[in-house]
Amino acid sequence: MKIIVPMAGRGSRLRPHTLTVPKPLIPIAGKPIAYRLAEDIIKVLKQDVEEIAFVIHKDFGPQVPEDLKAM
């Protein structure tokens, strides 16, 4: 199964946290939001997940795609 996760919002409701860290990478209890979301998706589906594609905002910069790929 392949999953698409839209994460292109600027995180305006999470300010001031999103002024320095893009929303997908904000840590919650030591893990980035995107990582926790991926873990939960896999647990709920209870089947093999071949790929999770994150749709991110172009202004997030090059570090976000690299960090998401490393998960």
PDB file of N, CA and C in Angstrom:
ATOM      1  N   MET A   1       0.834  -1.164   0.000  1.00  0.00           N
ATOM      2  CA  MET A   1       0.000   0.000   0.000  1.00  0.00           C
ATOM      3  C   MET A   1       0.887   1.238   0.000  1.00  0.00           C
ATOM      4  N   LYS A   2       0.453   2.254  -0.706  1.00  0.00           N
ATOM      5  CA  LYS A   2       1.150   3.539  -0.741  1.00  0.00           C
ATOM      6  C   LYS A   2       0.246   4.590  -0.102  1.00  0.00           C
ATOM      7  N   ILE A   3       0.844   5.467   0.681  1.00  0.00           N
ATOM      8  CA  ILE A   3       0.105   6.485   1.423  1.00  0.00           C
ATOM      9  C   ILE A   3       0.599   7.867   1.004  1.00  0.00           C
ATOM     10  N   ILE A   4      -0.324   8.826   0.853  1.00  0.00           N
ATOM     11  CA  ILE A   4       0.023  10.224   0.589  1.00  0.00           C
ATOM     12  C   ILE A   4      -0.442  11.043   1.783  1.00  0.00           C
ATOM     13  N   VAL A   5       0.490  11.827   2.361  1.00  0.00           N
ATOM     14  CA  VAL A   5       0.179  12.646   3.531  1.00  0.00           C
ATOM     15  C   VAL A   5       0.430  14.110   3.184  1.00  0.00           C
ATOM     16  N   PRO A   6      -0.641  14.928   3.078  1.00  0.00           N
ATOM     17  CA  PRO A   6      -0.432  16.359   2.828  1.00  0.00           C
ATOM     18  C   PRO A   6       0.064  17.061   4.090  1.00  0.00           C
ATOM     19  N   MET A   7       1.197  17.755   3.970  1.00  0.00           N
ATOM     20  CA  MET A   7       1.782  18.500   5.093  1.00  0.00           C
ATOM     21  C   MET A   7       2.298  19.842   4.593  1.00  0.00           C
ATOM     22  N   ALA A   8       1.571  20.477   3.697  1.00  0.00           N
ATOM     23  CA  ALA A   8       2.080  21.686   3.055  1.00  0.00           C
ATOM     24  C   ALA A   8       1.707  22.970   3.779  1.00  0.00           C
ATOM     25  N   GLY A   9       0.966  22.864   4.873  1.00  0.00           N
ATOM     26  CA  GLY A   9       0.608  24.074   5.614  1.00  0.00           C
ATOM     27  C   GLY A   9       1.820  24.712   6.259  1.00  0.00           C
ATOM     28  N   ARG A  10       1.731  25.999   6.485  1.00  0.00           N
ATOM     29  CA  ARG A  10       2.849  26.736   7.078  1.00  0.00           C
ATOM     30  C   ARG A  10       2.894  26.613   8.596  1.00  0.00           C
ATOM     31  N   GLY A  11       1.882  26.053   9.197  1.00  0.00           N
ATOM     32  CA  GLY A  11       1.885  25.868  10.643  1.00  0.00           C
ATOM     33  C   GLY A  11       1.607  27.135  11.421  1.00  0.00           C
ATOM     34  N   SER A  12       0.786  28.016  10.866  1.00  0.00           N
ATOM     35  CA  SER A  12       0.529  29.303  11.526  1.00  0.00           C
ATOM     36  C   SER A  12      -0.130  29.137  12.892  1.00  0.00           C
ATOM     37  N   ARG A  13      -0.901  28.091  13.085  1.00  0.00           N
ATOM     38  CA  ARG A  13      -1.544  27.880  14.391  1.00  0.00           C
ATOM     39  C   ARG A  13      -0.581  27.312  15.427  1.00  0.00           C
ATOM     40  N   LEU A  14       0.590  26.902  14.994  1.00  0.00           N
ATOM     41  CA  LEU A  14       1.587  26.360  15.923  1.00  0.00           C
ATOM     42  C   LEU A  14       2.701  27.362  16.226  1.00  0.00           C
ATOM     43  N   ARG A  15       2.505  28.601  15.813  1.00  0.00           N
ATOM     44  CA  ARG A  15       3.518  29.616  16.118  1.00  0.00           C
ATOM     45  C   ARG A  15       3.572  29.850  17.611  1.00  0.00           C
ATOM     46  N   PRO A  16       4.695  30.121  18.198  1.00  0.00           N
ATOM     47  CA  PRO A  16       5.982  30.492  17.621  1.00  0.00           C
ATOM     48  C   PRO A  16       6.872  29.302  17.264  1.00  0.00           C
ATOM     49  N   HIS A  17       6.416  28.082  17.514  1.00  0.00           N
ATOM     50  CA  HIS A  17       7.257  26.899  17.265  1.00  0.00           C
ATOM     51  C   HIS A  17       7.662  26.761  15.803  1.00  0.00           C
ATOM     52  N   THR A  18       6.771  27.141  14.884  1.00  0.00           N
ATOM     53  CA  THR A  18       7.057  26.958  13.460  1.00  0.00           C
ATOM     54  C   THR A  18       7.861  28.107  12.858  1.00  0.00           C
ATOM     55  N   LEU A  19       8.251  29.069  13.663  1.00  0.00           N
ATOM     56  CA  LEU A  19       9.089  30.147  13.136  1.00  0.00           C
ATOM     57  C   LEU A  19      10.511  29.654  12.858  1.00  0.00           C
ATOM     58  N   THR A  20      10.941  28.637  13.569  1.00  0.00           N
ATOM     59  CA  THR A  20      12.307  28.132  13.389  1.00  0.00           C
ATOM     60  C   THR A  20      12.365  26.685  12.896  1.00  0.00           C
ATOM     61  N   VAL A  21      11.279  25.939  13.069  1.00  0.00           N
ATOM     62  CA  VAL A  21      11.245  24.527  12.669  1.00  0.00           C
ATOM     63  C   VAL A  21       9.989  24.290  11.836  1.00  0.00           C
ATOM     64  N   PRO A  22      10.101  23.692  10.647  1.00  0.00           N
ATOM     65  CA  PRO A  22       8.910  23.380   9.853  1.00  0.00           C
ATOM     66  C   PRO A  22       7.990  22.416  10.612  1.00  0.00           C
ATOM     67  N   LYS A  23       6.710  22.590  10.426  1.00  0.00           N
ATOM     68  CA  LYS A  23       5.707  21.810  11.155  1.00  0.00           C
ATOM     69  C   LYS A  23       5.960  20.299  11.161  1.00  0.00           C
ATOM     70  N   PRO A  24       6.306  19.666  10.042  1.00  0.00           N
ATOM     71  CA  PRO A  24       6.507  18.208  10.083  1.00  0.00           C
ATOM     72  C   PRO A  24       7.643  17.758  10.998  1.00  0.00           C
ATOM     73  N   LEU A  25       8.572  18.668  11.296  1.00  0.00           N
ATOM     74  CA  LEU A  25       9.740  18.289  12.089  1.00  0.00           C
ATOM     75  C   LEU A  25       9.666  18.739  13.545  1.00  0.00           C
ATOM     76  N   ILE A  26       8.562  19.362  13.948  1.00  0.00           N
ATOM     77  CA  ILE A  26       8.426  19.765  15.348  1.00  0.00           C
ATOM     78  C   ILE A  26       8.386  18.504  16.209  1.00  0.00           C
ATOM     79  N   PRO A  27       9.258  18.427  17.208  1.00  0.00           N
ATOM     80  CA  PRO A  27       9.275  17.222  18.045  1.00  0.00           C
ATOM     81  C   PRO A  27       8.139  17.203  19.064  1.00  0.00           C
ATOM     82  N   ILE A  28       7.507  16.058  19.181  1.00  0.00           N
ATOM     83  CA  ILE A  28       6.503  15.799  20.211  1.00  0.00           C
ATOM     84  C   ILE A  28       7.025  14.600  20.997  1.00  0.00           C
ATOM     85  N   ALA A  29       7.333  14.815  22.254  1.00  0.00           N
ATOM     86  CA  ALA A  29       7.907  13.763  23.110  1.00  0.00           C
ATOM     87  C   ALA A  29       9.124  13.115  22.449  1.00  0.00           C
ATOM     88  N   GLY A  30       9.966  13.949  21.838  1.00  0.00           N
ATOM     89  CA  GLY A  30      11.227  13.463  21.288  1.00  0.00           C
ATOM     90  C   GLY A  30      11.204  12.948  19.863  1.00  0.00           C
ATOM     91  N   LYS A  31      10.027  12.892  19.232  1.00  0.00           N
ATOM     92  CA  LYS A  31       9.940  12.415  17.844  1.00  0.00           C
ATOM     93  C   LYS A  31       9.223  13.465  16.999  1.00  0.00           C
ATOM     94  N   PRO A  32       9.682  13.688  15.759  1.00  0.00           N
ATOM     95  CA  PRO A  32       9.009  14.650  14.884  1.00  0.00           C
ATOM     96  C   PRO A  32       7.555  14.243  14.603  1.00  0.00           C
ATOM     97  N   ILE A  33       6.710  15.234  14.397  1.00  0.00           N
ATOM     98  CA  ILE A  33       5.290  14.990  14.108  1.00  0.00           C
ATOM     99  C   ILE A  33       5.143  14.013  12.940  1.00  0.00           C
ATOM    100  N   ALA A  34       5.909  14.212  11.875  1.00  0.00           N
ATOM    101  CA  ALA A  34       5.796  13.350  10.691  1.00  0.00           C
ATOM    102  C   ALA A  34       6.136  11.898  11.021  1.00  0.00           C
ATOM    103  N   TYR A  35       7.116  11.686  11.871  1.00  0.00           N
ATOM    104  CA  TYR A  35       7.504  10.327  12.263  1.00  0.00           C
ATOM    105  C   TYR A  35       6.382   9.659  13.050  1.00  0.00           C
ATOM    106  N   ARG A  36       5.810  10.392  14.001  1.00  0.00           N
ATOM    107  CA  ARG A  36       4.704   9.843  14.799  1.00  0.00           C
ATOM    108  C   ARG A  36       3.506   9.512  13.911  1.00  0.00           C
ATOM    109  N   LEU A  37       3.221  10.395  12.956  1.00  0.00           N
ATOM    110  CA  LEU A  37       2.112  10.164  12.033  1.00  0.00           C
ATOM    111  C   LEU A  37       2.346   8.891  11.221  1.00  0.00           C
ATOM    112  N   ALA A  38       3.551   8.718  10.706  1.00  0.00           N
ATOM    113  CA  ALA A  38       3.874   7.516   9.926  1.00  0.00           C
ATOM    114  C   ALA A  38       3.733   6.261  10.783  1.00  0.00           C
ATOM    115  N   GLU A  39       4.215   6.306  12.017  1.00  0.00           N
ATOM    116  CA  GLU A  39       4.078   5.161  12.927  1.00  0.00           C
ATOM    117  C   GLU A  39       2.608   4.802  13.143  1.00  0.00           C
ATOM    118  N   ASP A  40       1.788   5.830  13.379  1.00  0.00           N
ATOM    119  CA  ASP A  40       0.367   5.587  13.639  1.00  0.00           C
ATOM    120  C   ASP A  40      -0.358   5.039  12.418  1.00  0.00           C
ATOM    121  N   ILE A  41      -0.024   5.545  11.239  1.00  0.00           N
ATOM    122  CA  ILE A  41      -0.640   5.042  10.004  1.00  0.00           C
ATOM    123  C   ILE A  41      -0.352   3.551   9.853  1.00  0.00           C
ATOM    124  N   ILE A  42       0.896   3.166  10.064  1.00  0.00           N
ATOM    125  CA  ILE A  42       1.293   1.759   9.922  1.00  0.00           C
ATOM    126  C   ILE A  42       0.576   0.884  10.948  1.00  0.00           C
ATOM    127  N   LYS A  43       0.457   1.357  12.189  1.00  0.00           N
ATOM    128  CA  LYS A  43      -0.232   0.587  13.235  1.00  0.00           C
ATOM    129  C   LYS A  43      -1.707   0.389  12.909  1.00  0.00           C
ATOM    130  N   VAL A  44      -2.366   1.451  12.459  1.00  0.00           N
ATOM    131  CA  VAL A  44      -3.806   1.396  12.202  1.00  0.00           C
ATOM    132  C   VAL A  44      -4.123   0.514  10.996  1.00  0.00           C
ATOM    133  N   LEU A  45      -3.325   0.594   9.952  1.00  0.00           N
ATOM    134  CA  LEU A  45      -3.610  -0.177   8.738  1.00  0.00           C
ATOM    135  C   LEU A  45      -3.395  -1.669   8.924  1.00  0.00           C
ATOM    136  N   LYS A  46      -2.460  -2.041   9.771  1.00  0.00           N
ATOM    137  CA  LYS A  46      -2.158  -3.451  10.035  1.00  0.00           C
ATOM    138  C   LYS A  46      -1.868  -4.231   8.752  1.00  0.00           C
ATOM    139  N   GLN A  47      -1.180  -3.584   7.828  1.00  0.00           N
ATOM    140  CA  GLN A  47      -0.722  -4.253   6.616  1.00  0.00           C
ATOM    141  C   GLN A  47       0.555  -3.568   6.147  1.00  0.00           C
ATOM    142  N   ASP A  48       1.234  -4.186   5.208  1.00  0.00           N
ATOM    143  CA  ASP A  48       2.497  -3.635   4.735  1.00  0.00           C
ATOM    144  C   ASP A  48       2.278  -2.303   4.030  1.00  0.00           C
ATOM    145  N   VAL A  49       3.070  -1.316   4.421  1.00  0.00           N
ATOM    146  CA  VAL A  49       3.054  -0.017   3.763  1.00  0.00           C
ATOM    147  C   VAL A  49       4.333   0.076   2.946  1.00  0.00           C
ATOM    148  N   GLU A  50       4.170   0.129   1.647  1.00  0.00           N
ATOM    149  CA  GLU A  50       5.309   0.154   0.731  1.00  0.00           C
ATOM    150  C   GLU A  50       5.982   1.523   0.720  1.00  0.00           C
ATOM    151  N   GLU A  51       5.162   2.571   0.785  1.00  0.00           N
ATOM    152  CA  GLU A  51       5.708   3.922   0.649  1.00  0.00           C
ATOM    153  C   GLU A  51       4.766   4.920   1.304  1.00  0.00           C
ATOM    154  N   ILE A  52       5.353   5.928   1.950  1.00  0.00           N
ATOM    155  CA  ILE A  52       4.584   7.062   2.460  1.00  0.00           C
ATOM    156  C   ILE A  52       5.168   8.304   1.804  1.00  0.00           C
ATOM    157  N   ALA A  53       4.340   9.018   1.042  1.00  0.00           N
ATOM    158  CA  ALA A  53       4.775  10.235   0.358  1.00  0.00           C
ATOM    159  C   ALA A  53       4.225  11.441   1.106  1.00  0.00           C
ATOM    160  N   PHE A  54       5.110  12.334   1.510  1.00  0.00           N
ATOM    161  CA  PHE A  54       4.711  13.548   2.209  1.00  0.00           C
ATOM    162  C   PHE A  54       4.679  14.699   1.213  1.00  0.00           C
ATOM    163  N   VAL A  55       3.557  15.406   1.139  1.00  0.00           N
ATOM    164  CA  VAL A  55       3.436  16.588   0.294  1.00  0.00           C
ATOM    165  C   VAL A  55       3.776  17.775   1.185  1.00  0.00           C
ATOM    166  N   ILE A  56       4.892  18.445   0.882  1.00  0.00           N
ATOM    167  CA  ILE A  56       5.354  19.534   1.739  1.00  0.00           C
ATOM    168  C   ILE A  56       5.399  20.851   0.975  1.00  0.00           C
ATOM    169  N   HIS A  57       5.473  21.944   1.702  1.00  0.00           N
ATOM    170  CA  HIS A  57       5.522  23.286   1.118  1.00  0.00           C
ATOM    171  C   HIS A  57       6.917  23.555   0.571  1.00  0.00           C
ATOM    172  N   LYS A  58       6.984  24.229  -0.556  1.00  0.00           N
ATOM    173  CA  LYS A  58       8.282  24.508  -1.185  1.00  0.00           C
ATOM    174  C   LYS A  58       9.181  25.373  -0.309  1.00  0.00           C
ATOM    175  N   ASP A  59       8.598  26.161   0.586  1.00  0.00           N
ATOM    176  CA  ASP A  59       9.390  27.039   1.448  1.00  0.00           C
ATOM    177  C   ASP A  59      10.008  26.319   2.640  1.00  0.00           C
ATOM    178  N   PHE A  60       9.730  25.034   2.818  1.00  0.00           N
ATOM    179  CA  PHE A  60      10.303  24.306   3.950  1.00  0.00           C
ATOM    180  C   PHE A  60      11.818  24.152   3.819  1.00  0.00           C
ATOM    181  N   GLY A  61      12.347  24.280   2.624  1.00  0.00           N
ATOM    182  CA  GLY A  61      13.788  24.178   2.424  1.00  0.00           C
ATOM    183  C   GLY A  61      14.237  22.753   2.181  1.00  0.00           C
ATOM    184  N   PRO A  62      15.530  22.575   1.878  1.00  0.00           N
ATOM    185  CA  PRO A  62      16.041  21.255   1.499  1.00  0.00           C
ATOM    186  C   PRO A  62      16.172  20.270   2.662  1.00  0.00           C
ATOM    187  N   GLN A  63      16.253  20.762   3.883  1.00  0.00           N
ATOM    188  CA  GLN A  63      16.470  19.865   5.017  1.00  0.00           C
ATOM    189  C   GLN A  63      15.251  18.985   5.299  1.00  0.00           C
ATOM    190  N   VAL A  64      14.053  19.518   5.111  1.00  0.00           N
ATOM    191  CA  VAL A  64      12.837  18.751   5.419  1.00  0.00           C
ATOM    192  C   VAL A  64      12.732  17.494   4.558  1.00  0.00           C
ATOM    193  N   PRO A  65      12.869  17.579   3.229  1.00  0.00           N
ATOM    194  CA  PRO A  65      12.805  16.341   2.443  1.00  0.00           C
ATOM    195  C   PRO A  65      13.870  15.325   2.851  1.00  0.00           C
ATOM    196  N   GLU A  66      15.059  15.805   3.166  1.00  0.00           N
ATOM    197  CA  GLU A  66      16.126  14.890   3.585  1.00  0.00           C
ATOM    198  C   GLU A  66      15.765  14.197   4.896  1.00  0.00           C
ATOM    199  N   ASP A  67      15.235  14.959   5.846  1.00  0.00           N
ATOM    200  CA  ASP A  67      14.851  14.378   7.135  1.00  0.00           C
ATOM    201  C   ASP A  67      13.696  13.397   6.988  1.00  0.00           C
ATOM    202  N   LEU A  68      12.733  13.717   6.118  1.00  0.00           N
ATOM    203  CA  LEU A  68      11.597  12.815   5.915  1.00  0.00           C
ATOM    204  C   LEU A  68      12.045  11.517   5.245  1.00  0.00           C
ATOM    205  N   LYS A  69      12.973  11.600   4.312  1.00  0.00           N
ATOM    206  CA  LYS A  69      13.480  10.392   3.647  1.00  0.00           C
ATOM    207  C   LYS A  69      14.237   9.495   4.618  1.00  0.00           C
ATOM    208  N   ALA A  70      14.863  10.104   5.614  1.00  0.00           N
ATOM    209  CA  ALA A  70      15.659   9.340   6.576  1.00  0.00           C
ATOM    210  C   ALA A  70      14.797   8.560   7.569  1.00  0.00           C
ATOM    211  N   MET A  71      13.513   8.849   7.630  1.00  0.00           N
ATOM    212  CA  MET A  71      12.631   8.176   8.600  1.00  0.00           C
ATOM    213  C   MET A  71      12.393   6.737   8.243  1.00  0.00           C
TER     214      MET A  71
END
